[in-house]
Amino acid sequence: MCVIETSPIVETRRLVLRAPAPQDAPRIAALANDLDIARMTKRMPHPFRVEDADDFVLQVASQDPARANTFVIEHEAAGPVGVIGLFESEDRVPEAGYWIGRDYWGRGFATEALDAALVWASRKWRRRALVAGHFADNPASGRVLEKSGFLYTGETRRAWSRARRAEIETRMMVWLA
């Protein structure tokens, strides 16, 4: 029998991935209230208020850990810098999604966090495959996924972006443990 961690903590050289806590809500809201971040996600509204962050923290706390795990990406000196989540979706394998606050772009945090989440997913969550998509107008996210071992499937889908209020061409990728 596999015991599922309800609040896993994953550590890397510079980062800690952990469950979001109520005290993180103001910081999450400050980072996420950026149209350039929200428009590259499916689910994030814009504007993103503290009330949205409070709702997010509550929603994560109620996740079934067998089906979804969401982590705050916390830097040792800067505190929370983004969010990464692994969750079951309409696909046959779970999906990975993430975002990093603008002030922390280009520092390798997304790749470091994704690499750690993938190791955790294969060893502790017992997943052997994950999918991810990135909007076609966000090639930087595609590069992060490639660096972490995701491969393009050749499939393009239309996915709804809540912040854009539109369907956006999404390039699909897969990772195999």
N, C-alpha and C. Protein backbone atom coordinates (compact mmCIF):
# COMPACT_ATOMS: atom_id res chain seq x y z
N MET A 1 0.84 -1.19 0.00
CA MET A 1 0.00 0.00 0.00
C MET A 1 0.88 1.25 0.00
N CYS A 2 0.55 2.20 -0.84
CA CYS A 2 1.28 3.45 -0.95
C CYS A 2 0.64 4.49 -0.04
N VAL A 3 1.45 5.05 0.86
CA VAL A 3 0.97 6.11 1.74
C VAL A 3 1.20 7.44 1.05
N ILE A 4 0.17 8.24 0.93
CA ILE A 4 0.25 9.52 0.22
C ILE A 4 0.49 10.64 1.22
N GLU A 5 1.54 11.42 0.96
CA GLU A 5 1.83 12.58 1.79
C GLU A 5 0.74 13.63 1.58
N THR A 6 0.24 14.20 2.66
CA THR A 6 -0.79 15.21 2.51
C THR A 6 -0.22 16.62 2.39
N SER A 7 0.96 16.87 2.92
CA SER A 7 1.61 18.17 2.77
C SER A 7 3.10 17.94 2.53
N PRO A 8 3.44 17.42 1.36
CA PRO A 8 4.86 17.14 1.11
C PRO A 8 5.69 18.41 1.05
N ILE A 9 6.95 18.25 1.40
CA ILE A 9 7.94 19.32 1.29
C ILE A 9 9.08 18.77 0.45
N VAL A 10 9.44 19.51 -0.59
CA VAL A 10 10.51 19.10 -1.50
C VAL A 10 11.57 20.19 -1.47
N GLU A 11 12.81 19.81 -1.21
CA GLU A 11 13.90 20.79 -1.13
C GLU A 11 14.87 20.62 -2.27
N THR A 12 15.36 21.75 -2.78
CA THR A 12 16.40 21.78 -3.80
C THR A 12 17.55 22.61 -3.24
N ARG A 13 18.53 22.87 -4.08
CA ARG A 13 19.68 23.66 -3.63
C ARG A 13 19.25 25.06 -3.16
N ARG A 14 18.31 25.69 -3.89
CA ARG A 14 17.91 27.06 -3.55
C ARG A 14 16.46 27.22 -3.14
N LEU A 15 15.66 26.18 -3.35
CA LEU A 15 14.21 26.32 -3.20
C LEU A 15 13.62 25.27 -2.27
N VAL A 16 12.45 25.61 -1.74
CA VAL A 16 11.62 24.66 -1.01
C VAL A 16 10.24 24.70 -1.67
N LEU A 17 9.74 23.52 -2.03
CA LEU A 17 8.37 23.41 -2.52
C LEU A 17 7.54 22.92 -1.35
N ARG A 18 6.49 23.67 -1.01
CA ARG A 18 5.67 23.34 0.15
C ARG A 18 4.24 23.80 -0.09
N ALA A 19 3.35 23.29 0.73
CA ALA A 19 1.94 23.69 0.61
C ALA A 19 1.81 25.19 0.93
N PRO A 20 0.96 25.88 0.19
CA PRO A 20 0.72 27.29 0.52
C PRO A 20 -0.02 27.40 1.85
N ALA A 21 0.33 28.41 2.62
CA ALA A 21 -0.28 28.66 3.93
C ALA A 21 -1.04 29.98 3.87
N PRO A 22 -2.00 30.17 4.79
CA PRO A 22 -2.76 31.44 4.77
C PRO A 22 -1.88 32.69 4.78
N GLN A 23 -0.76 32.65 5.49
CA GLN A 23 0.10 33.84 5.55
C GLN A 23 0.80 34.11 4.21
N ASP A 24 0.76 33.17 3.27
CA ASP A 24 1.35 33.38 1.94
C ASP A 24 0.43 34.18 1.02
N ALA A 25 -0.84 34.31 1.35
CA ALA A 25 -1.81 34.92 0.44
C ALA A 25 -1.41 36.32 -0.03
N PRO A 26 -1.01 37.24 0.86
CA PRO A 26 -0.63 38.57 0.35
C PRO A 26 0.55 38.53 -0.63
N ARG A 27 1.52 37.68 -0.37
CA ARG A 27 2.69 37.58 -1.26
C ARG A 27 2.29 36.95 -2.60
N ILE A 28 1.47 35.89 -2.55
CA ILE A 28 0.99 35.26 -3.78
C ILE A 28 0.22 36.28 -4.61
N ALA A 29 -0.64 37.04 -3.97
CA ALA A 29 -1.43 38.06 -4.68
C ALA A 29 -0.52 39.12 -5.30
N ALA A 30 0.48 39.56 -4.56
CA ALA A 30 1.39 40.58 -5.08
C ALA A 30 2.14 40.08 -6.31
N LEU A 31 2.59 38.84 -6.29
CA LEU A 31 3.31 38.27 -7.42
C LEU A 31 2.38 37.98 -8.60
N ALA A 32 1.21 37.43 -8.31
CA ALA A 32 0.30 36.96 -9.36
C ALA A 32 -0.51 38.07 -10.01
N ASN A 33 -0.58 39.23 -9.39
CA ASN A 33 -1.37 40.32 -9.96
C ASN A 33 -0.57 41.04 -11.05
N ASP A 34 -0.21 40.27 -12.05
CA ASP A 34 0.60 40.76 -13.16
C ASP A 34 -0.01 40.16 -14.43
N LEU A 35 -0.52 40.98 -15.29
CA LEU A 35 -1.19 40.48 -16.48
C LEU A 35 -0.28 39.59 -17.32
N ASP A 36 1.01 39.90 -17.37
CA ASP A 36 1.93 39.08 -18.16
C ASP A 36 2.10 37.67 -17.59
N ILE A 37 1.82 37.49 -16.32
CA ILE A 37 1.82 36.14 -15.73
C ILE A 37 0.46 35.50 -15.96
N ALA A 38 -0.59 36.17 -15.56
CA ALA A 38 -1.94 35.60 -15.64
C ALA A 38 -2.30 35.19 -17.06
N ARG A 39 -1.92 35.97 -18.05
CA ARG A 39 -2.30 35.67 -19.43
C ARG A 39 -1.61 34.44 -19.99
N MET A 40 -0.59 33.94 -19.30
CA MET A 40 0.10 32.73 -19.75
C MET A 40 -0.36 31.49 -18.99
N THR A 41 -1.44 31.63 -18.20
CA THR A 41 -2.00 30.51 -17.46
C THR A 41 -3.44 30.26 -17.92
N LYS A 42 -3.92 29.08 -17.62
CA LYS A 42 -5.30 28.76 -17.95
C LYS A 42 -6.26 29.33 -16.90
N ARG A 43 -5.93 29.16 -15.63
CA ARG A 43 -6.91 29.37 -14.56
C ARG A 43 -6.81 30.68 -13.80
N MET A 44 -5.71 31.39 -13.91
CA MET A 44 -5.50 32.57 -13.08
C MET A 44 -6.30 33.76 -13.58
N PRO A 45 -7.08 34.39 -12.69
CA PRO A 45 -7.80 35.60 -13.10
C PRO A 45 -6.86 36.80 -13.10
N HIS A 46 -7.31 37.85 -13.75
CA HIS A 46 -6.62 39.14 -13.64
C HIS A 46 -7.69 40.22 -13.61
N PRO A 47 -7.65 41.12 -12.65
CA PRO A 47 -6.65 41.22 -11.59
C PRO A 47 -6.72 40.05 -10.60
N PHE A 48 -5.63 39.83 -9.89
CA PHE A 48 -5.52 38.76 -8.89
C PHE A 48 -5.37 39.45 -7.54
N ARG A 49 -6.44 39.38 -6.75
CA ARG A 49 -6.50 40.09 -5.48
C ARG A 49 -6.12 39.17 -4.31
N VAL A 50 -5.95 39.74 -3.14
CA VAL A 50 -5.67 38.95 -1.94
C VAL A 50 -6.80 37.95 -1.70
N GLU A 51 -8.04 38.35 -2.00
CA GLU A 51 -9.18 37.41 -1.84
C GLU A 51 -9.03 36.20 -2.76
N ASP A 52 -8.49 36.42 -3.97
CA ASP A 52 -8.23 35.31 -4.88
C ASP A 52 -7.15 34.40 -4.31
N ALA A 53 -6.13 34.99 -3.73
CA ALA A 53 -5.05 34.20 -3.11
C ALA A 53 -5.58 33.43 -1.91
N ASP A 54 -6.44 34.05 -1.09
CA ASP A 54 -7.06 33.34 0.03
C ASP A 54 -7.86 32.13 -0.48
N ASP A 55 -8.64 32.34 -1.53
CA ASP A 55 -9.42 31.25 -2.12
C ASP A 55 -8.50 30.15 -2.65
N PHE A 56 -7.40 30.54 -3.27
CA PHE A 56 -6.42 29.58 -3.80
C PHE A 56 -5.86 28.72 -2.66
N VAL A 57 -5.45 29.35 -1.57
CA VAL A 57 -4.88 28.61 -0.42
C VAL A 57 -5.91 27.63 0.12
N LEU A 58 -7.16 28.05 0.25
CA LEU A 58 -8.22 27.15 0.73
C LEU A 58 -8.47 26.00 -0.24
N GLN A 59 -8.48 26.30 -1.52
CA GLN A 59 -8.70 25.26 -2.53
C GLN A 59 -7.58 24.22 -2.49
N VAL A 60 -6.34 24.67 -2.36
CA VAL A 60 -5.21 23.74 -2.28
C VAL A 60 -5.32 22.88 -1.03
N ALA A 61 -5.72 23.48 0.09
CA ALA A 61 -5.85 22.72 1.33
C ALA A 61 -6.91 21.62 1.22
N SER A 62 -7.88 21.80 0.33
CA SER A 62 -8.94 20.80 0.18
C SER A 62 -8.66 19.80 -0.94
N GLN A 63 -7.51 19.89 -1.59
CA GLN A 63 -7.18 18.95 -2.66
C GLN A 63 -7.05 17.53 -2.12
N ASP A 64 -7.44 16.58 -2.94
CA ASP A 64 -7.20 15.18 -2.65
C ASP A 64 -5.75 14.89 -3.07
N PRO A 65 -4.85 14.59 -2.13
CA PRO A 65 -3.44 14.42 -2.49
C PRO A 65 -3.18 13.23 -3.42
N ALA A 66 -4.14 12.36 -3.58
CA ALA A 66 -4.00 11.28 -4.55
C ALA A 66 -4.22 11.78 -5.97
N ARG A 67 -4.86 12.96 -6.09
CA ARG A 67 -5.20 13.49 -7.42
C ARG A 67 -4.53 14.82 -7.76
N ALA A 68 -4.05 15.56 -6.75
CA ALA A 68 -3.45 16.87 -7.00
C ALA A 68 -2.53 17.27 -5.86
N ASN A 69 -1.45 17.94 -6.23
CA ASN A 69 -0.53 18.51 -5.24
C ASN A 69 -0.04 19.84 -5.78
N THR A 70 -0.22 20.88 -4.99
CA THR A 70 0.17 22.22 -5.39
C THR A 70 1.15 22.76 -4.36
N PHE A 71 2.20 23.38 -4.84
CA PHE A 71 3.28 23.85 -3.98
C PHE A 71 3.56 25.34 -4.22
N VAL A 72 3.86 26.05 -3.15
CA VAL A 72 4.48 27.36 -3.26
C VAL A 72 5.95 27.09 -3.52
N ILE A 73 6.53 27.84 -4.43
CA ILE A 73 7.97 27.77 -4.69
C ILE A 73 8.60 28.86 -3.85
N GLU A 74 9.34 28.44 -2.83
CA GLU A 74 9.92 29.41 -1.90
C GLU A 74 11.44 29.44 -2.05
N HIS A 75 11.97 30.63 -2.28
CA HIS A 75 13.41 30.83 -2.37
C HIS A 75 13.96 31.07 -0.97
N GLU A 76 15.15 30.57 -0.71
CA GLU A 76 15.74 30.67 0.63
C GLU A 76 15.84 32.10 1.14
N ALA A 77 16.10 33.06 0.27
CA ALA A 77 16.24 34.45 0.71
C ALA A 77 15.04 35.32 0.34
N ALA A 78 14.42 35.06 -0.79
CA ALA A 78 13.37 35.94 -1.30
C ALA A 78 11.97 35.56 -0.82
N GLY A 79 11.81 34.37 -0.25
CA GLY A 79 10.47 33.90 0.14
C GLY A 79 9.75 33.33 -1.07
N PRO A 80 8.42 33.28 -1.05
CA PRO A 80 7.68 32.74 -2.19
C PRO A 80 7.98 33.50 -3.48
N VAL A 81 8.25 32.73 -4.55
CA VAL A 81 8.55 33.33 -5.86
C VAL A 81 7.60 32.82 -6.95
N GLY A 82 6.75 31.85 -6.62
CA GLY A 82 5.83 31.30 -7.61
C GLY A 82 5.08 30.11 -7.07
N VAL A 83 4.44 29.39 -7.98
CA VAL A 83 3.60 28.23 -7.63
C VAL A 83 3.80 27.16 -8.69
N ILE A 84 3.78 25.91 -8.26
CA ILE A 84 3.81 24.78 -9.19
C ILE A 84 2.78 23.77 -8.73
N GLY A 85 2.06 23.18 -9.69
CA GLY A 85 1.04 22.20 -9.35
C GLY A 85 1.07 21.01 -10.28
N LEU A 86 0.72 19.86 -9.72
CA LEU A 86 0.58 18.61 -10.45
C LEU A 86 -0.83 18.12 -10.16
N PHE A 87 -1.61 17.87 -11.20
CA PHE A 87 -3.01 17.55 -10.94
C PHE A 87 -3.59 16.72 -12.07
N GLU A 88 -4.54 15.88 -11.71
CA GLU A 88 -5.25 15.11 -12.71
C GLU A 88 -6.18 16.05 -13.47
N SER A 89 -6.25 15.84 -14.78
CA SER A 89 -7.07 16.69 -15.64
C SER A 89 -7.85 15.81 -16.59
N GLU A 90 -8.28 16.38 -17.70
CA GLU A 90 -9.04 15.59 -18.67
C GLU A 90 -8.16 14.59 -19.40
N ASP A 91 -6.84 14.74 -19.33
CA ASP A 91 -5.94 13.79 -19.96
C ASP A 91 -5.85 12.51 -19.13
N ARG A 92 -5.30 11.50 -19.74
CA ARG A 92 -5.17 10.21 -19.04
C ARG A 92 -4.02 10.22 -18.04
N VAL A 93 -3.17 11.19 -18.14
CA VAL A 93 -2.08 11.33 -17.17
C VAL A 93 -2.16 12.72 -16.55
N PRO A 94 -1.61 12.89 -15.36
CA PRO A 94 -1.69 14.20 -14.70
C PRO A 94 -0.97 15.29 -15.47
N GLU A 95 -1.35 16.52 -15.17
CA GLU A 95 -0.80 17.70 -15.82
C GLU A 95 0.07 18.48 -14.84
N ALA A 96 1.11 19.11 -15.36
CA ALA A 96 1.96 20.00 -14.57
C ALA A 96 1.73 21.43 -15.04
N GLY A 97 1.71 22.36 -14.10
CA GLY A 97 1.59 23.78 -14.43
C GLY A 97 2.35 24.60 -13.40
N TYR A 98 2.82 25.77 -13.79
CA TYR A 98 3.62 26.59 -12.88
C TYR A 98 3.60 28.03 -13.35
N TRP A 99 3.97 28.91 -12.44
CA TRP A 99 4.25 30.29 -12.79
C TRP A 99 5.28 30.84 -11.79
N ILE A 100 6.04 31.82 -12.26
CA ILE A 100 7.08 32.47 -11.45
C ILE A 100 6.84 33.97 -11.52
N GLY A 101 6.98 34.65 -10.37
CA GLY A 101 6.84 36.10 -10.34
C GLY A 101 7.86 36.78 -11.24
N ARG A 102 7.43 37.87 -11.88
CA ARG A 102 8.26 38.58 -12.87
C ARG A 102 9.67 38.92 -12.36
N ASP A 103 9.79 39.35 -11.12
CA ASP A 103 11.12 39.73 -10.59
C ASP A 103 12.08 38.55 -10.53
N TYR A 104 11.57 37.35 -10.73
CA TYR A 104 12.40 36.14 -10.59
C TYR A 104 12.56 35.39 -11.90
N TRP A 105 12.10 35.98 -12.99
CA TRP A 105 12.27 35.36 -14.30
C TRP A 105 13.75 35.32 -14.66
N GLY A 106 14.14 34.31 -15.41
CA GLY A 106 15.50 34.22 -15.93
C GLY A 106 16.53 33.74 -14.92
N ARG A 107 16.12 33.27 -13.77
CA ARG A 107 17.07 32.82 -12.74
C ARG A 107 17.11 31.29 -12.60
N GLY A 108 16.33 30.59 -13.42
CA GLY A 108 16.32 29.13 -13.36
C GLY A 108 15.42 28.54 -12.31
N PHE A 109 14.61 29.38 -11.64
CA PHE A 109 13.76 28.87 -10.56
C PHE A 109 12.68 27.92 -11.09
N ALA A 110 12.09 28.24 -12.25
CA ALA A 110 11.04 27.37 -12.79
C ALA A 110 11.60 25.99 -13.12
N THR A 111 12.75 25.95 -13.76
CA THR A 111 13.36 24.66 -14.10
C THR A 111 13.75 23.89 -12.85
N GLU A 112 14.34 24.55 -11.89
CA GLU A 112 14.75 23.89 -10.64
C GLU A 112 13.53 23.33 -9.90
N ALA A 113 12.47 24.12 -9.84
CA ALA A 113 11.25 23.66 -9.16
C ALA A 113 10.60 22.51 -9.92
N LEU A 114 10.53 22.63 -11.25
CA LEU A 114 9.91 21.58 -12.04
C LEU A 114 10.71 20.28 -11.94
N ASP A 115 12.03 20.37 -12.03
CA ASP A 115 12.86 19.17 -11.88
C ASP A 115 12.58 18.47 -10.55
N ALA A 116 12.52 19.24 -9.47
CA ALA A 116 12.26 18.67 -8.15
C ALA A 116 10.86 18.07 -8.06
N ALA A 117 9.89 18.75 -8.64
CA ALA A 117 8.51 18.24 -8.61
C ALA A 117 8.40 16.94 -9.40
N LEU A 118 9.15 16.82 -10.49
CA LEU A 118 9.12 15.60 -11.29
C LEU A 118 9.74 14.42 -10.54
N VAL A 119 10.83 14.67 -9.85
CA VAL A 119 11.44 13.60 -9.02
C VAL A 119 10.44 13.18 -7.95
N TRP A 120 9.84 14.15 -7.28
CA TRP A 120 8.84 13.84 -6.25
C TRP A 120 7.67 13.06 -6.86
N ALA A 121 7.18 13.50 -8.03
CA ALA A 121 6.04 12.84 -8.67
C ALA A 121 6.33 11.38 -9.00
N SER A 122 7.54 11.11 -9.45
CA SER A 122 7.86 9.72 -9.82
C SER A 122 8.13 8.85 -8.58
N ARG A 123 8.79 9.41 -7.59
CA ARG A 123 9.17 8.60 -6.41
C ARG A 123 8.08 8.50 -5.36
N LYS A 124 7.43 9.60 -5.06
CA LYS A 124 6.46 9.62 -3.95
C LYS A 124 5.02 9.54 -4.41
N TRP A 125 4.71 10.20 -5.53
CA TRP A 125 3.33 10.23 -6.03
C TRP A 125 3.08 9.07 -6.99
N ARG A 126 4.17 8.39 -7.35
CA ARG A 126 4.13 7.18 -8.18
C ARG A 126 3.54 7.41 -9.57
N ARG A 127 3.86 8.54 -10.17
CA ARG A 127 3.42 8.82 -11.53
C ARG A 127 4.58 8.56 -12.48
N ARG A 128 4.28 7.97 -13.60
CA ARG A 128 5.31 7.63 -14.59
C ARG A 128 5.24 8.53 -15.82
N ALA A 129 4.21 9.37 -15.87
CA ALA A 129 4.07 10.29 -17.00
C ALA A 129 3.28 11.52 -16.54
N LEU A 130 3.61 12.65 -17.13
CA LEU A 130 2.88 13.89 -16.92
C LEU A 130 2.77 14.60 -18.26
N VAL A 131 1.74 15.39 -18.42
CA VAL A 131 1.61 16.24 -19.59
C VAL A 131 1.71 17.69 -19.13
N ALA A 132 2.03 18.54 -20.07
CA ALA A 132 2.03 19.98 -19.83
C ALA A 132 1.80 20.64 -21.18
N GLY A 133 1.25 21.81 -21.13
CA GLY A 133 1.08 22.59 -22.34
C GLY A 133 1.57 23.99 -22.09
N HIS A 134 2.02 24.63 -23.14
CA HIS A 134 2.34 26.05 -23.01
C HIS A 134 1.71 26.77 -24.18
N PHE A 135 1.21 27.95 -23.90
CA PHE A 135 0.61 28.75 -24.95
C PHE A 135 1.68 29.02 -26.02
N ALA A 136 1.28 28.97 -27.27
CA ALA A 136 2.22 29.12 -28.38
C ALA A 136 2.97 30.45 -28.31
N ASP A 137 2.38 31.47 -27.70
CA ASP A 137 3.07 32.76 -27.58
C ASP A 137 3.90 32.87 -26.30
N ASN A 138 4.20 31.73 -25.68
CA ASN A 138 5.04 31.69 -24.48
C ASN A 138 6.16 30.65 -24.66
N PRO A 139 7.06 30.89 -25.60
CA PRO A 139 8.12 29.91 -25.85
C PRO A 139 9.06 29.71 -24.66
N ALA A 140 9.17 30.71 -23.77
CA ALA A 140 10.04 30.55 -22.59
C ALA A 140 9.56 29.39 -21.73
N SER A 141 8.25 29.23 -21.59
CA SER A 141 7.72 28.12 -20.82
C SER A 141 8.04 26.79 -21.52
N GLY A 142 7.98 26.78 -22.83
CA GLY A 142 8.36 25.59 -23.58
C GLY A 142 9.81 25.21 -23.33
N ARG A 143 10.69 26.20 -23.23
CA ARG A 143 12.10 25.91 -22.96
C ARG A 143 12.29 25.33 -21.56
N VAL A 144 11.55 25.84 -20.58
CA VAL A 144 11.61 25.27 -19.23
C VAL A 144 11.20 23.81 -19.26
N LEU A 145 10.09 23.53 -19.93
CA LEU A 145 9.62 22.15 -20.02
C LEU A 145 10.63 21.26 -20.71
N GLU A 146 11.23 21.74 -21.80
CA GLU A 146 12.25 20.95 -22.51
C GLU A 146 13.44 20.66 -21.61
N LYS A 147 13.92 21.67 -20.87
CA LYS A 147 15.07 21.47 -19.98
C LYS A 147 14.79 20.43 -18.91
N SER A 148 13.51 20.28 -18.55
CA SER A 148 13.13 19.30 -17.52
C SER A 148 12.78 17.94 -18.12
N GLY A 149 12.97 17.79 -19.42
CA GLY A 149 12.78 16.48 -20.03
C GLY A 149 11.45 16.25 -20.72
N PHE A 150 10.61 17.28 -20.82
CA PHE A 150 9.35 17.14 -21.55
C PHE A 150 9.65 17.14 -23.05
N LEU A 151 8.87 16.38 -23.79
CA LEU A 151 8.99 16.29 -25.24
C LEU A 151 7.69 16.74 -25.88
N TYR A 152 7.81 17.41 -27.04
CA TYR A 152 6.62 17.81 -27.76
C TYR A 152 5.91 16.58 -28.31
N THR A 153 4.59 16.59 -28.22
CA THR A 153 3.80 15.47 -28.73
C THR A 153 3.39 15.67 -30.18
N GLY A 154 3.51 16.89 -30.68
CA GLY A 154 3.03 17.22 -32.02
C GLY A 154 1.58 17.68 -32.02
N GLU A 155 0.95 17.62 -30.84
CA GLU A 155 -0.44 18.02 -30.71
C GLU A 155 -0.54 19.49 -30.29
N THR A 156 -1.44 20.20 -30.92
CA THR A 156 -1.77 21.57 -30.53
C THR A 156 -3.25 21.57 -30.18
N ARG A 157 -3.58 22.18 -29.05
CA ARG A 157 -4.97 22.28 -28.60
C ARG A 157 -5.32 23.75 -28.42
N ARG A 158 -6.60 24.01 -28.36
CA ARG A 158 -7.08 25.33 -27.96
C ARG A 158 -7.43 25.21 -26.48
N ALA A 159 -6.87 26.08 -25.65
CA ALA A 159 -7.14 26.05 -24.21
C ALA A 159 -7.60 27.43 -23.77
N TRP A 160 -8.56 27.45 -22.87
CA TRP A 160 -9.13 28.69 -22.37
C TRP A 160 -8.16 29.35 -21.40
N SER A 161 -7.91 30.63 -21.60
CA SER A 161 -7.15 31.45 -20.66
C SER A 161 -8.15 32.37 -19.96
N ARG A 162 -8.29 32.17 -18.67
CA ARG A 162 -9.25 32.98 -17.89
C ARG A 162 -8.89 34.46 -17.95
N ALA A 163 -7.61 34.78 -17.83
CA ALA A 163 -7.20 36.19 -17.83
C ALA A 163 -7.42 36.85 -19.19
N ARG A 164 -7.24 36.11 -20.26
CA ARG A 164 -7.43 36.66 -21.61
C ARG A 164 -8.88 36.59 -22.06
N ARG A 165 -9.64 35.73 -21.39
CA ARG A 165 -11.03 35.48 -21.79
C ARG A 165 -11.09 35.03 -23.25
N ALA A 166 -10.19 34.10 -23.58
CA ALA A 166 -10.11 33.60 -24.96
C ALA A 166 -9.45 32.23 -24.97
N GLU A 167 -9.71 31.51 -26.06
CA GLU A 167 -9.00 30.25 -26.29
C GLU A 167 -7.69 30.56 -26.99
N ILE A 168 -6.63 29.89 -26.52
CA ILE A 168 -5.28 30.16 -27.02
C ILE A 168 -4.68 28.85 -27.52
N GLU A 169 -3.96 28.93 -28.63
CA GLU A 169 -3.27 27.75 -29.15
C GLU A 169 -2.23 27.29 -28.12
N THR A 170 -2.29 26.01 -27.80
CA THR A 170 -1.45 25.43 -26.74
C THR A 170 -0.67 24.25 -27.31
N ARG A 171 0.63 24.28 -27.14
CA ARG A 171 1.51 23.20 -27.61
C ARG A 171 1.66 22.18 -26.49
N MET A 172 1.30 20.94 -26.76
CA MET A 172 1.29 19.90 -25.75
C MET A 172 2.62 19.14 -25.69
N MET A 173 3.00 18.81 -24.44
CA MET A 173 4.25 18.11 -24.19
C MET A 173 4.00 16.97 -23.21
N VAL A 174 4.90 16.00 -23.18
CA VAL A 174 4.78 14.86 -22.26
C VAL A 174 6.14 14.58 -21.63
N TRP A 175 6.09 14.13 -20.38
CA TRP A 175 7.28 13.71 -19.64
C TRP A 175 7.06 12.28 -19.20
N LEU A 176 8.07 11.46 -19.41
CA LEU A 176 8.02 10.06 -19.00
C LEU A 176 9.14 9.79 -18.01
N ALA A 177 8.79 9.16 -16.88
CA ALA A 177 9.81 8.86 -15.84
C ALA A 177 10.76 7.80 -16.34
